[in-house]
């Protein structure tokens, strides 16, 4: 059974590896090797990552005690990070995390969710009713990457 729980500071290292491997394996379907290496670099200061995770306070998904995904929901409706472990794709992890976010948005009275979504994740977000507001090119460590500003509004 998939369990979703609040982030704990000792999750940071595991979440870094999950992020790194997901970008390098899954997102490599839609981005070049140079792009995924810029997005998830080999040498990255883990203290910077720790601070980012402490700021985001993500929700962590576990399956049989293993961390298999994470996402966050910021007060203004931003979903900054949304990643599912590369070895657990298609097993309902993303669905469980998104349903958690949707329920939380409803509970908090958030009327608009939005995210900067990769080419890879776009169909997943569309499945949950997010619409593309615009396509954009961003610069990450000297590489240009395409992503989409997507949003879902609630009545």
N, C-alpha and C. Protein backbone atom coordinates (compact mmCIF):
# COMPACT_ATOMS: atom_id res chain seq x y z
N UNK A 1 0.83 -1.19 0.00
CA UNK A 1 0.00 0.00 0.00
C UNK A 1 0.88 1.26 0.00
N UNK A 2 0.48 2.25 -0.75
CA UNK A 2 1.22 3.51 -0.83
C UNK A 2 0.85 4.37 0.37
N UNK A 3 1.87 4.81 1.07
CA UNK A 3 1.69 5.69 2.23
C UNK A 3 2.27 7.05 1.88
N UNK A 4 1.56 8.12 2.22
CA UNK A 4 2.07 9.47 2.00
C UNK A 4 2.21 10.13 3.36
N UNK A 5 3.38 10.68 3.59
CA UNK A 5 3.67 11.27 4.90
C UNK A 5 4.42 12.58 4.71
N UNK A 6 4.48 13.40 5.75
CA UNK A 6 5.26 14.64 5.68
C UNK A 6 6.76 14.34 5.56
N UNK A 7 7.46 15.25 4.96
CA UNK A 7 8.91 15.21 4.83
C UNK A 7 9.57 15.25 6.21
N UNK A 8 10.67 14.53 6.34
CA UNK A 8 11.54 14.61 7.52
C UNK A 8 12.93 14.98 7.00
N UNK A 9 13.66 15.77 7.76
CA UNK A 9 14.95 16.27 7.26
C UNK A 9 15.92 15.17 6.87
N UNK A 10 15.81 13.99 7.48
CA UNK A 10 16.73 12.91 7.09
C UNK A 10 16.31 12.22 5.78
N UNK A 11 15.23 12.69 5.15
CA UNK A 11 14.82 12.19 3.83
C UNK A 11 15.62 12.84 2.69
N UNK A 12 16.29 13.95 2.96
CA UNK A 12 16.88 14.76 1.90
C UNK A 12 17.81 13.97 0.98
N UNK A 13 18.70 13.19 1.54
CA UNK A 13 19.65 12.44 0.72
C UNK A 13 18.93 11.44 -0.19
N UNK A 14 17.96 10.73 0.34
CA UNK A 14 17.18 9.77 -0.45
C UNK A 14 16.42 10.49 -1.56
N UNK A 15 15.85 11.65 -1.23
CA UNK A 15 15.10 12.40 -2.25
C UNK A 15 16.03 12.93 -3.33
N UNK A 16 17.26 13.31 -2.96
CA UNK A 16 18.22 13.73 -3.99
C UNK A 16 18.48 12.60 -4.97
N UNK A 17 18.73 11.40 -4.47
CA UNK A 17 19.00 10.26 -5.35
C UNK A 17 17.78 9.91 -6.20
N UNK A 18 16.60 10.01 -5.62
CA UNK A 18 15.37 9.76 -6.38
C UNK A 18 15.25 10.79 -7.51
N UNK A 19 15.42 12.06 -7.18
CA UNK A 19 15.37 13.13 -8.19
C UNK A 19 16.42 12.89 -9.27
N UNK A 20 17.66 12.68 -8.86
CA UNK A 20 18.78 12.50 -9.79
C UNK A 20 18.50 11.36 -10.77
N UNK A 21 18.16 10.20 -10.24
CA UNK A 21 17.96 9.02 -11.09
C UNK A 21 16.71 9.14 -11.96
N UNK A 22 15.67 9.78 -11.46
CA UNK A 22 14.47 9.96 -12.27
C UNK A 22 14.76 10.88 -13.45
N UNK A 23 15.43 11.99 -13.19
CA UNK A 23 15.77 12.90 -14.29
C UNK A 23 16.69 12.19 -15.29
N UNK A 24 17.70 11.50 -14.78
CA UNK A 24 18.69 10.85 -15.65
C UNK A 24 18.10 9.68 -16.45
N UNK A 25 17.11 8.98 -15.89
CA UNK A 25 16.54 7.81 -16.57
C UNK A 25 15.24 8.15 -17.29
N UNK A 26 14.28 8.70 -16.57
CA UNK A 26 12.95 8.93 -17.15
C UNK A 26 12.93 10.15 -18.06
N UNK A 27 13.44 11.27 -17.58
CA UNK A 27 13.41 12.49 -18.39
C UNK A 27 14.36 12.43 -19.58
N UNK A 28 15.29 11.50 -19.55
CA UNK A 28 16.20 11.33 -20.69
C UNK A 28 15.45 10.89 -21.95
N UNK A 29 14.20 10.47 -21.80
CA UNK A 29 13.38 10.12 -22.97
C UNK A 29 13.08 11.35 -23.82
N UNK A 30 13.01 12.52 -23.16
CA UNK A 30 12.58 13.74 -23.84
C UNK A 30 13.61 14.85 -23.86
N UNK A 31 14.73 14.64 -23.19
CA UNK A 31 15.78 15.66 -23.12
C UNK A 31 17.11 15.02 -23.47
N UNK A 32 18.03 15.83 -23.97
CA UNK A 32 19.34 15.32 -24.36
C UNK A 32 20.18 14.97 -23.13
N UNK A 33 21.25 14.24 -23.36
CA UNK A 33 22.16 13.88 -22.27
C UNK A 33 22.72 15.15 -21.60
N UNK A 34 23.11 16.13 -22.41
CA UNK A 34 23.62 17.38 -21.84
C UNK A 34 22.56 18.08 -20.99
N UNK A 35 21.32 18.03 -21.43
CA UNK A 35 20.25 18.68 -20.67
C UNK A 35 19.99 17.99 -19.34
N UNK A 36 19.92 16.66 -19.33
CA UNK A 36 19.66 15.98 -18.06
C UNK A 36 20.85 16.08 -17.12
N UNK A 37 22.06 16.15 -17.67
CA UNK A 37 23.23 16.33 -16.80
C UNK A 37 23.24 17.73 -16.18
N UNK A 38 22.75 18.73 -16.89
CA UNK A 38 22.65 20.08 -16.32
C UNK A 38 21.54 20.13 -15.26
N UNK A 39 20.45 19.46 -15.54
CA UNK A 39 19.28 19.45 -14.65
C UNK A 39 19.60 18.70 -13.36
N UNK A 40 20.29 17.57 -13.49
CA UNK A 40 20.66 16.75 -12.33
C UNK A 40 22.16 16.47 -12.41
N UNK A 41 22.98 17.42 -11.96
CA UNK A 41 24.44 17.28 -12.09
C UNK A 41 25.03 16.25 -11.12
N UNK A 42 26.09 15.61 -11.57
CA UNK A 42 26.81 14.63 -10.73
C UNK A 42 27.29 15.27 -9.43
N UNK A 43 27.90 16.43 -9.56
CA UNK A 43 28.45 17.11 -8.37
C UNK A 43 27.49 18.22 -7.97
N UNK A 44 26.81 17.97 -6.87
CA UNK A 44 25.84 18.95 -6.37
C UNK A 44 25.99 19.01 -4.87
N UNK A 45 25.98 20.21 -4.33
CA UNK A 45 26.15 20.42 -2.90
C UNK A 45 24.88 19.95 -2.17
N UNK A 46 25.00 18.87 -1.44
CA UNK A 46 23.84 18.29 -0.76
C UNK A 46 23.24 19.24 0.27
N UNK A 47 24.04 20.15 0.81
CA UNK A 47 23.49 21.11 1.78
C UNK A 47 22.52 22.08 1.08
N UNK A 48 22.78 22.41 -0.18
CA UNK A 48 21.86 23.26 -0.95
C UNK A 48 20.54 22.51 -1.14
N UNK A 49 20.65 21.21 -1.47
CA UNK A 49 19.46 20.38 -1.63
C UNK A 49 18.69 20.28 -0.31
N UNK A 50 19.41 20.04 0.77
CA UNK A 50 18.78 19.94 2.10
C UNK A 50 17.99 21.20 2.39
N UNK A 51 18.58 22.37 2.13
CA UNK A 51 17.89 23.63 2.37
C UNK A 51 16.65 23.76 1.49
N UNK A 52 16.75 23.32 0.23
CA UNK A 52 15.61 23.38 -0.69
C UNK A 52 14.47 22.50 -0.17
N UNK A 53 14.80 21.30 0.25
CA UNK A 53 13.77 20.40 0.76
C UNK A 53 13.16 20.93 2.06
N UNK A 54 13.99 21.49 2.93
CA UNK A 54 13.47 22.09 4.17
C UNK A 54 12.49 23.22 3.85
N UNK A 55 12.80 24.00 2.80
CA UNK A 55 11.90 25.09 2.39
C UNK A 55 10.61 24.55 1.77
N UNK A 56 10.74 23.54 0.91
CA UNK A 56 9.56 23.00 0.22
C UNK A 56 8.63 22.22 1.13
N UNK A 57 9.20 21.52 2.12
CA UNK A 57 8.41 20.64 2.99
C UNK A 57 7.52 19.71 2.15
N UNK A 58 8.15 18.87 1.33
CA UNK A 58 7.36 18.00 0.45
C UNK A 58 6.64 16.88 1.19
N UNK A 59 5.78 16.23 0.45
CA UNK A 59 5.12 15.02 0.92
C UNK A 59 5.86 13.86 0.29
N UNK A 60 6.10 12.84 1.08
CA UNK A 60 6.92 11.70 0.66
C UNK A 60 6.01 10.48 0.55
N UNK A 61 6.14 9.77 -0.57
CA UNK A 61 5.36 8.53 -0.71
C UNK A 61 6.28 7.34 -0.48
N UNK A 62 5.73 6.36 0.23
CA UNK A 62 6.46 5.13 0.52
C UNK A 62 5.64 3.94 0.06
N UNK A 63 6.33 2.92 -0.39
CA UNK A 63 5.73 1.65 -0.75
C UNK A 63 6.55 0.58 -0.07
N UNK A 64 5.93 -0.17 0.82
CA UNK A 64 6.64 -1.21 1.58
C UNK A 64 7.90 -0.66 2.26
N UNK A 65 7.79 0.55 2.80
CA UNK A 65 8.90 1.16 3.53
C UNK A 65 9.94 1.86 2.69
N UNK A 66 9.86 1.74 1.35
CA UNK A 66 10.83 2.40 0.47
C UNK A 66 10.23 3.73 -0.02
N UNK A 67 11.06 4.77 -0.04
CA UNK A 67 10.62 6.06 -0.57
C UNK A 67 10.58 5.95 -2.09
N UNK A 68 9.38 6.21 -2.66
CA UNK A 68 9.18 6.00 -4.10
C UNK A 68 8.71 7.25 -4.83
N UNK A 69 8.54 8.35 -4.13
CA UNK A 69 8.14 9.59 -4.78
C UNK A 69 8.01 10.71 -3.78
N UNK A 70 7.90 11.92 -4.32
CA UNK A 70 7.66 13.08 -3.46
C UNK A 70 7.12 14.23 -4.29
N UNK A 71 6.43 15.13 -3.62
CA UNK A 71 5.90 16.33 -4.26
C UNK A 71 5.64 17.36 -3.17
N UNK A 72 5.35 18.57 -3.59
CA UNK A 72 5.04 19.61 -2.62
C UNK A 72 3.85 20.42 -3.11
N UNK A 73 3.28 21.19 -2.21
CA UNK A 73 2.24 22.16 -2.56
C UNK A 73 2.52 23.40 -1.74
N UNK A 74 2.87 24.47 -2.45
CA UNK A 74 3.17 25.73 -1.79
C UNK A 74 1.87 26.51 -1.54
N UNK A 75 1.89 27.47 -0.60
CA UNK A 75 0.66 28.19 -0.23
C UNK A 75 -0.05 28.88 -1.40
N UNK A 76 0.71 29.31 -2.41
CA UNK A 76 0.09 30.00 -3.56
C UNK A 76 -0.40 29.03 -4.64
N UNK A 77 -0.30 27.71 -4.38
CA UNK A 77 -0.77 26.72 -5.34
C UNK A 77 0.32 26.15 -6.23
N UNK A 78 1.56 26.59 -6.05
CA UNK A 78 2.67 26.07 -6.85
C UNK A 78 3.02 24.65 -6.43
N UNK A 79 3.12 23.77 -7.41
CA UNK A 79 3.71 22.45 -7.22
C UNK A 79 5.12 22.59 -7.79
N UNK A 80 6.10 22.74 -6.92
CA UNK A 80 7.47 23.00 -7.36
C UNK A 80 8.18 21.72 -7.77
N UNK A 81 8.04 20.67 -6.98
CA UNK A 81 8.66 19.37 -7.27
C UNK A 81 7.57 18.31 -7.31
N UNK A 82 7.68 17.40 -8.28
CA UNK A 82 6.78 16.25 -8.38
C UNK A 82 7.56 15.15 -9.08
N UNK A 83 8.06 14.18 -8.32
CA UNK A 83 8.91 13.13 -8.89
C UNK A 83 8.53 11.77 -8.34
N UNK A 84 8.49 10.80 -9.24
CA UNK A 84 8.26 9.41 -8.89
C UNK A 84 9.52 8.63 -9.24
N UNK A 85 9.92 7.76 -8.36
CA UNK A 85 11.12 6.94 -8.53
C UNK A 85 11.11 6.25 -9.89
N UNK A 86 12.25 6.27 -10.55
CA UNK A 86 12.33 5.71 -11.91
C UNK A 86 12.01 4.21 -11.97
N UNK A 87 12.18 3.50 -10.89
CA UNK A 87 11.88 2.06 -10.88
C UNK A 87 10.43 1.76 -10.49
N UNK A 88 9.66 2.78 -10.17
CA UNK A 88 8.27 2.59 -9.73
C UNK A 88 7.28 3.35 -10.61
N UNK A 89 7.66 3.67 -11.83
CA UNK A 89 6.77 4.37 -12.75
C UNK A 89 5.59 3.46 -13.09
N UNK A 90 4.40 4.06 -13.25
CA UNK A 90 3.23 3.31 -13.66
C UNK A 90 2.62 2.41 -12.60
N UNK A 91 2.98 2.64 -11.33
CA UNK A 91 2.46 1.80 -10.25
C UNK A 91 1.51 2.55 -9.31
N UNK A 92 1.05 3.71 -9.75
CA UNK A 92 0.08 4.47 -8.95
C UNK A 92 0.69 5.45 -7.97
N UNK A 93 2.01 5.57 -7.97
CA UNK A 93 2.67 6.50 -7.04
C UNK A 93 2.28 7.94 -7.36
N UNK A 94 2.42 8.32 -8.63
CA UNK A 94 2.07 9.67 -9.05
C UNK A 94 0.60 9.98 -8.81
N UNK A 95 -0.25 9.02 -9.11
CA UNK A 95 -1.70 9.19 -8.90
C UNK A 95 -1.99 9.45 -7.42
N UNK A 96 -1.36 8.67 -6.54
CA UNK A 96 -1.57 8.85 -5.10
C UNK A 96 -1.08 10.22 -4.65
N UNK A 97 0.08 10.64 -5.14
CA UNK A 97 0.61 11.96 -4.77
C UNK A 97 -0.29 13.08 -5.30
N UNK A 98 -0.72 12.97 -6.56
CA UNK A 98 -1.57 14.03 -7.12
C UNK A 98 -2.92 14.08 -6.39
N UNK A 99 -3.49 12.93 -6.08
CA UNK A 99 -4.75 12.94 -5.33
C UNK A 99 -4.57 13.56 -3.95
N UNK A 100 -3.40 13.35 -3.36
CA UNK A 100 -3.09 13.98 -2.07
C UNK A 100 -3.05 15.50 -2.22
N UNK A 101 -2.39 15.96 -3.27
CA UNK A 101 -2.30 17.41 -3.52
C UNK A 101 -3.68 18.00 -3.79
N UNK A 102 -4.49 17.31 -4.60
CA UNK A 102 -5.82 17.82 -4.91
C UNK A 102 -6.68 17.92 -3.65
N UNK A 103 -6.61 16.92 -2.80
CA UNK A 103 -7.37 16.95 -1.55
C UNK A 103 -6.87 18.07 -0.63
N UNK A 104 -5.57 18.24 -0.58
CA UNK A 104 -4.98 19.29 0.26
C UNK A 104 -5.35 20.68 -0.27
N UNK A 105 -5.34 20.84 -1.59
CA UNK A 105 -5.73 22.12 -2.18
C UNK A 105 -7.17 22.44 -1.82
N UNK A 106 -8.03 21.45 -1.88
CA UNK A 106 -9.43 21.63 -1.52
C UNK A 106 -9.56 22.02 -0.04
N UNK A 107 -8.83 21.29 0.80
CA UNK A 107 -8.85 21.55 2.25
C UNK A 107 -8.37 22.97 2.57
N UNK A 108 -7.35 23.42 1.85
CA UNK A 108 -6.76 24.74 2.09
C UNK A 108 -7.48 25.86 1.36
N UNK A 109 -8.43 25.52 0.51
CA UNK A 109 -9.15 26.54 -0.25
C UNK A 109 -8.33 27.15 -1.37
N UNK A 110 -7.38 26.39 -1.91
CA UNK A 110 -6.54 26.87 -3.02
C UNK A 110 -7.38 26.79 -4.29
N UNK A 111 -7.52 27.90 -5.00
CA UNK A 111 -8.39 27.91 -6.18
C UNK A 111 -7.63 27.63 -7.48
N UNK A 112 -6.30 27.66 -7.43
CA UNK A 112 -5.50 27.45 -8.64
C UNK A 112 -4.22 26.71 -8.28
N UNK A 113 -3.99 25.60 -8.94
CA UNK A 113 -2.71 24.89 -8.86
C UNK A 113 -1.94 25.18 -10.12
N UNK A 114 -0.63 25.32 -10.01
CA UNK A 114 0.19 25.51 -11.20
C UNK A 114 1.57 24.91 -10.98
N UNK A 115 2.23 24.62 -12.10
CA UNK A 115 3.55 24.00 -12.04
C UNK A 115 4.29 24.26 -13.34
N UNK A 116 5.60 24.15 -13.27
CA UNK A 116 6.46 24.21 -14.45
C UNK A 116 6.79 22.75 -14.77
N UNK A 117 6.16 22.23 -15.79
CA UNK A 117 6.09 20.79 -16.04
C UNK A 117 7.00 20.40 -17.20
N UNK A 118 7.74 19.33 -17.02
CA UNK A 118 8.63 18.84 -18.08
C UNK A 118 7.82 18.27 -19.24
N UNK A 119 8.48 18.12 -20.38
CA UNK A 119 7.87 17.45 -21.53
C UNK A 119 7.38 16.07 -21.10
N UNK A 120 8.19 15.38 -20.32
CA UNK A 120 7.88 14.02 -19.88
C UNK A 120 6.62 13.96 -19.03
N UNK A 121 6.46 14.92 -18.12
CA UNK A 121 5.34 14.89 -17.17
C UNK A 121 4.06 15.54 -17.71
N UNK A 122 4.15 16.21 -18.83
CA UNK A 122 2.97 16.91 -19.36
C UNK A 122 1.74 16.01 -19.49
N UNK A 123 1.83 14.82 -20.12
CA UNK A 123 0.62 13.99 -20.24
C UNK A 123 0.03 13.60 -18.88
N UNK A 124 0.88 13.36 -17.90
CA UNK A 124 0.40 13.02 -16.56
C UNK A 124 -0.41 14.18 -15.98
N UNK A 125 0.12 15.40 -16.06
CA UNK A 125 -0.60 16.56 -15.53
C UNK A 125 -1.88 16.81 -16.31
N UNK A 126 -1.85 16.62 -17.63
CA UNK A 126 -3.07 16.79 -18.43
C UNK A 126 -4.14 15.80 -17.99
N UNK A 127 -3.74 14.59 -17.67
CA UNK A 127 -4.68 13.56 -17.19
C UNK A 127 -5.43 14.03 -15.95
N UNK A 128 -4.80 14.86 -15.15
CA UNK A 128 -5.43 15.36 -13.93
C UNK A 128 -6.06 16.75 -14.12
N UNK A 129 -6.30 17.12 -15.37
CA UNK A 129 -7.05 18.33 -15.64
C UNK A 129 -6.25 19.61 -15.72
N UNK A 130 -4.92 19.50 -15.75
CA UNK A 130 -4.09 20.69 -15.90
C UNK A 130 -4.04 21.07 -17.38
N UNK A 131 -4.05 22.36 -17.65
CA UNK A 131 -3.97 22.88 -19.01
C UNK A 131 -2.66 23.62 -19.20
N UNK A 132 -2.12 23.56 -20.41
CA UNK A 132 -0.90 24.30 -20.74
C UNK A 132 -1.26 25.77 -20.90
N UNK A 133 -0.62 26.61 -20.12
CA UNK A 133 -0.80 28.05 -20.23
C UNK A 133 0.21 28.62 -21.23
N UNK A 134 1.43 28.11 -21.16
CA UNK A 134 2.42 28.47 -22.17
C UNK A 134 3.61 27.52 -22.12
N UNK A 135 4.28 27.44 -23.24
CA UNK A 135 5.53 26.69 -23.36
C UNK A 135 6.66 27.68 -23.13
N UNK A 136 7.70 27.24 -22.45
CA UNK A 136 8.82 28.15 -22.19
C UNK A 136 10.15 27.43 -22.31
N UNK A 137 11.16 28.22 -22.57
CA UNK A 137 12.53 27.72 -22.59
C UNK A 137 13.22 28.31 -21.37
N UNK A 138 13.83 27.44 -20.56
CA UNK A 138 14.54 27.91 -19.38
C UNK A 138 16.01 27.52 -19.51
N UNK A 139 16.85 28.27 -18.85
CA UNK A 139 18.28 27.98 -18.86
C UNK A 139 18.65 27.35 -17.53
N UNK A 140 19.27 26.16 -17.61
CA UNK A 140 19.71 25.45 -16.42
C UNK A 140 21.18 25.09 -16.62
N UNK A 141 22.04 25.72 -15.82
CA UNK A 141 23.48 25.46 -15.88
C UNK A 141 23.99 25.45 -17.32
N UNK A 142 23.57 26.46 -18.08
CA UNK A 142 24.06 26.63 -19.44
C UNK A 142 23.32 25.85 -20.51
N UNK A 143 22.33 25.07 -20.14
CA UNK A 143 21.53 24.31 -21.11
C UNK A 143 20.11 24.89 -21.19
N UNK A 144 19.58 24.95 -22.40
CA UNK A 144 18.20 25.39 -22.62
C UNK A 144 17.28 24.18 -22.55
N UNK A 145 16.25 24.25 -21.72
CA UNK A 145 15.27 23.17 -21.59
C UNK A 145 13.87 23.72 -21.85
N UNK A 146 13.06 22.93 -22.49
CA UNK A 146 11.66 23.29 -22.71
C UNK A 146 10.83 22.70 -21.59
N UNK A 147 9.92 23.52 -21.05
CA UNK A 147 8.91 23.00 -20.14
C UNK A 147 7.63 23.80 -20.34
N UNK A 148 6.62 23.50 -19.57
CA UNK A 148 5.30 24.10 -19.75
C UNK A 148 4.79 24.62 -18.43
N UNK A 149 4.26 25.84 -18.47
CA UNK A 149 3.52 26.34 -17.31
C UNK A 149 2.12 25.77 -17.47
N UNK A 150 1.73 24.95 -16.49
CA UNK A 150 0.42 24.31 -16.53
C UNK A 150 -0.35 24.69 -15.28
N UNK A 151 -1.66 24.76 -15.42
CA UNK A 151 -2.46 25.10 -14.27
C UNK A 151 -3.79 24.35 -14.28
N UNK A 152 -4.36 24.24 -13.10
CA UNK A 152 -5.69 23.68 -12.93
C UNK A 152 -6.42 24.62 -11.97
N UNK A 153 -7.57 25.08 -12.42
CA UNK A 153 -8.39 25.98 -11.59
C UNK A 153 -9.57 25.21 -11.02
N UNK A 154 -10.01 25.66 -9.86
CA UNK A 154 -11.15 25.06 -9.18
C UNK A 154 -12.25 26.12 -9.08
N UNK A 155 -13.46 25.70 -9.22
CA UNK A 155 -14.61 26.64 -9.12
C UNK A 155 -14.95 26.89 -7.67
